Amino acid sequence: MDESAITPALARTCWDDAAEPWDHFVEHKDIYRHELHGKCLLEACGEVAGLAVLEMGCGQGWFCRRLAERGAC
């Protein structure tokens, strides 16, 4: 596809169309996130209960929700 053919409206539509499949993949199919690097990152954070945390990832909040489940604010 010619880059000049990618309008802001087309880019927005493509991102919107990909959002639901991406969410499903992250929550249910991403073995690396669930079994490898996600576990290691959570372990590296140590005890977070009661701590205010700022998770500056890019994505749909998977890691932030794991921190909250462990008691982070």
C-alpha atoms as a PDB file:
ATOM      1  CA  MET A   1       0.000   0.000   0.000  1.00  0.00           C
ATOM      2  CA  ASP A   2       1.273   3.459  -0.893  1.00  0.00           C
ATOM      3  CA  GLU A   3       1.887   5.411   2.347  1.00  0.00           C
ATOM      4  CA  SER A   4       0.098   8.422   0.897  1.00  0.00           C
ATOM      5  CA  ALA A   5      -3.084   6.309   0.784  1.00  0.00           C
ATOM      6  CA  ILE A   6      -3.088   5.913   4.575  1.00  0.00           C
ATOM      7  CA  THR A   7      -5.363   8.671   5.755  1.00  0.00           C
ATOM      8  CA  PRO A   8      -5.979   9.477   9.422  1.00  0.00           C
ATOM      9  CA  ALA A   9      -9.466   7.983   9.066  1.00  0.00           C
ATOM     10  CA  LEU A  10      -8.092   4.730   7.622  1.00  0.00           C
ATOM     11  CA  ALA A  11      -5.436   4.512  10.343  1.00  0.00           C
ATOM     12  CA  ARG A  12      -8.115   5.021  13.028  1.00  0.00           C
ATOM     13  CA  THR A  13     -10.329   2.348  11.457  1.00  0.00           C
ATOM     14  CA  CYS A  14      -7.453  -0.137  11.311  1.00  0.00           C
ATOM     15  CA  TRP A  15      -6.554   0.460  14.971  1.00  0.00           C
ATOM     16  CA  ASP A  16     -10.202   0.179  16.021  1.00  0.00           C
ATOM     17  CA  ASP A  17     -10.631  -3.066  14.058  1.00  0.00           C
ATOM     18  CA  ALA A  18      -7.521  -4.575  15.686  1.00  0.00           C
ATOM     19  CA  ALA A  19      -8.408  -3.647  19.283  1.00  0.00           C
ATOM     20  CA  GLU A  20     -10.707  -6.556  20.158  1.00  0.00           C
ATOM     21  CA  PRO A  21      -8.520  -9.293  18.632  1.00  0.00           C
ATOM     22  CA  TRP A  22      -5.467  -7.768  20.358  1.00  0.00           C
ATOM     23  CA  ASP A  23      -7.255  -7.753  23.742  1.00  0.00           C
ATOM     24  CA  HIS A  24      -8.213 -11.392  23.285  1.00  0.00           C
ATOM     25  CA  PHE A  25      -4.643 -12.340  22.397  1.00  0.00           C
ATOM     26  CA  VAL A  26      -3.163 -10.492  25.400  1.00  0.00           C
ATOM     27  CA  GLU A  27      -5.647 -11.941  27.870  1.00  0.00           C
ATOM     28  CA  HIS A  28      -5.765 -15.535  26.606  1.00  0.00           C
ATOM     29  CA  LYS A  29      -3.033 -16.442  24.118  1.00  0.00           C
ATOM     30  CA  ASP A  30       0.139 -14.474  24.936  1.00  0.00           C
ATOM     31  CA  ILE A  31       2.201 -17.226  26.570  1.00  0.00           C
ATOM     32  CA  TYR A  32       5.234 -14.945  26.934  1.00  0.00           C
ATOM     33  CA  ARG A  33       3.276 -12.356  28.886  1.00  0.00           C
ATOM     34  CA  HIS A  34       1.545 -14.943  31.093  1.00  0.00           C
ATOM     35  CA  GLU A  35       4.363 -17.424  31.647  1.00  0.00           C
ATOM     36  CA  LEU A  36       7.662 -15.681  30.991  1.00  0.00           C
ATOM     37  CA  HIS A  37       8.321 -11.959  31.069  1.00  0.00           C
ATOM     38  CA  GLY A  38       5.115 -11.026  32.915  1.00  0.00           C
ATOM     39  CA  LYS A  39       5.943 -13.356  35.800  1.00  0.00           C
ATOM     40  CA  CYS A  40       9.545 -12.153  35.919  1.00  0.00           C
ATOM     41  CA  LEU A  41       8.517  -8.490  35.951  1.00  0.00           C
ATOM     42  CA  LEU A  42       6.021  -9.076  38.749  1.00  0.00           C
ATOM     43  CA  GLU A  43       8.640 -10.933  40.758  1.00  0.00           C
ATOM     44  CA  ALA A  44      11.125  -8.092  40.216  1.00  0.00           C
ATOM     45  CA  CYS A  45       8.573  -5.615  41.616  1.00  0.00           C
ATOM     46  CA  GLY A  46       8.492  -7.461  44.920  1.00  0.00           C
ATOM     47  CA  GLU A  47       5.734  -6.707  47.430  1.00  0.00           C
ATOM     48  CA  VAL A  48       3.505  -3.924  46.079  1.00  0.00           C
ATOM     49  CA  ALA A  49       0.534  -4.095  48.463  1.00  0.00           C
ATOM     50  CA  GLY A  50      -0.313  -0.598  49.650  1.00  0.00           C
ATOM     51  CA  LEU A  51       2.160   1.098  47.316  1.00  0.00           C
ATOM     52  CA  ALA A  52       1.224   3.720  44.763  1.00  0.00           C
ATOM     53  CA  VAL A  53       2.641   2.585  41.431  1.00  0.00           C
ATOM     54  CA  LEU A  54       2.899   4.127  38.006  1.00  0.00           C
ATOM     55  CA  GLU A  55       3.036   1.531  35.271  1.00  0.00           C
ATOM     56  CA  MET A  56       4.194   3.231  32.086  1.00  0.00           C
ATOM     57  CA  GLY A  57       3.745   0.458  29.580  1.00  0.00           C
ATOM     58  CA  CYS A  58       1.998   0.701  26.300  1.00  0.00           C
ATOM     59  CA  GLY A  59      -0.915  -1.591  25.895  1.00  0.00           C
ATOM     60  CA  GLN A  60      -4.282  -2.357  27.369  1.00  0.00           C
ATOM     61  CA  GLY A  61      -3.312  -2.523  31.040  1.00  0.00           C
ATOM     62  CA  TRP A  62      -2.513  -6.217  31.607  1.00  0.00           C
ATOM     63  CA  PHE A  63       0.481  -5.525  33.875  1.00  0.00           C
ATOM     64  CA  CYS A  64      -1.252  -2.684  35.717  1.00  0.00           C
ATOM     65  CA  ARG A  65      -4.154  -4.991  36.557  1.00  0.00           C
ATOM     66  CA  ARG A  66      -1.739  -7.658  37.860  1.00  0.00           C
ATOM     67  CA  LEU A  67      -0.165  -5.047  40.157  1.00  0.00           C
ATOM     68  CA  ALA A  68      -3.610  -3.978  41.380  1.00  0.00           C
ATOM     69  CA  GLU A  69      -4.522  -7.608  42.084  1.00  0.00           C
ATOM     70  CA  ARG A  70      -1.461  -7.690  44.365  1.00  0.00           C
ATOM     71  CA  GLY A  71      -2.696  -4.661  46.292  1.00  0.00           C
ATOM     72  CA  ALA A  72      -0.995  -1.758  44.535  1.00  0.00           C
ATOM     73  CA  CYS A  73      -2.878   1.525  44.443  1.00  0.00           C
END
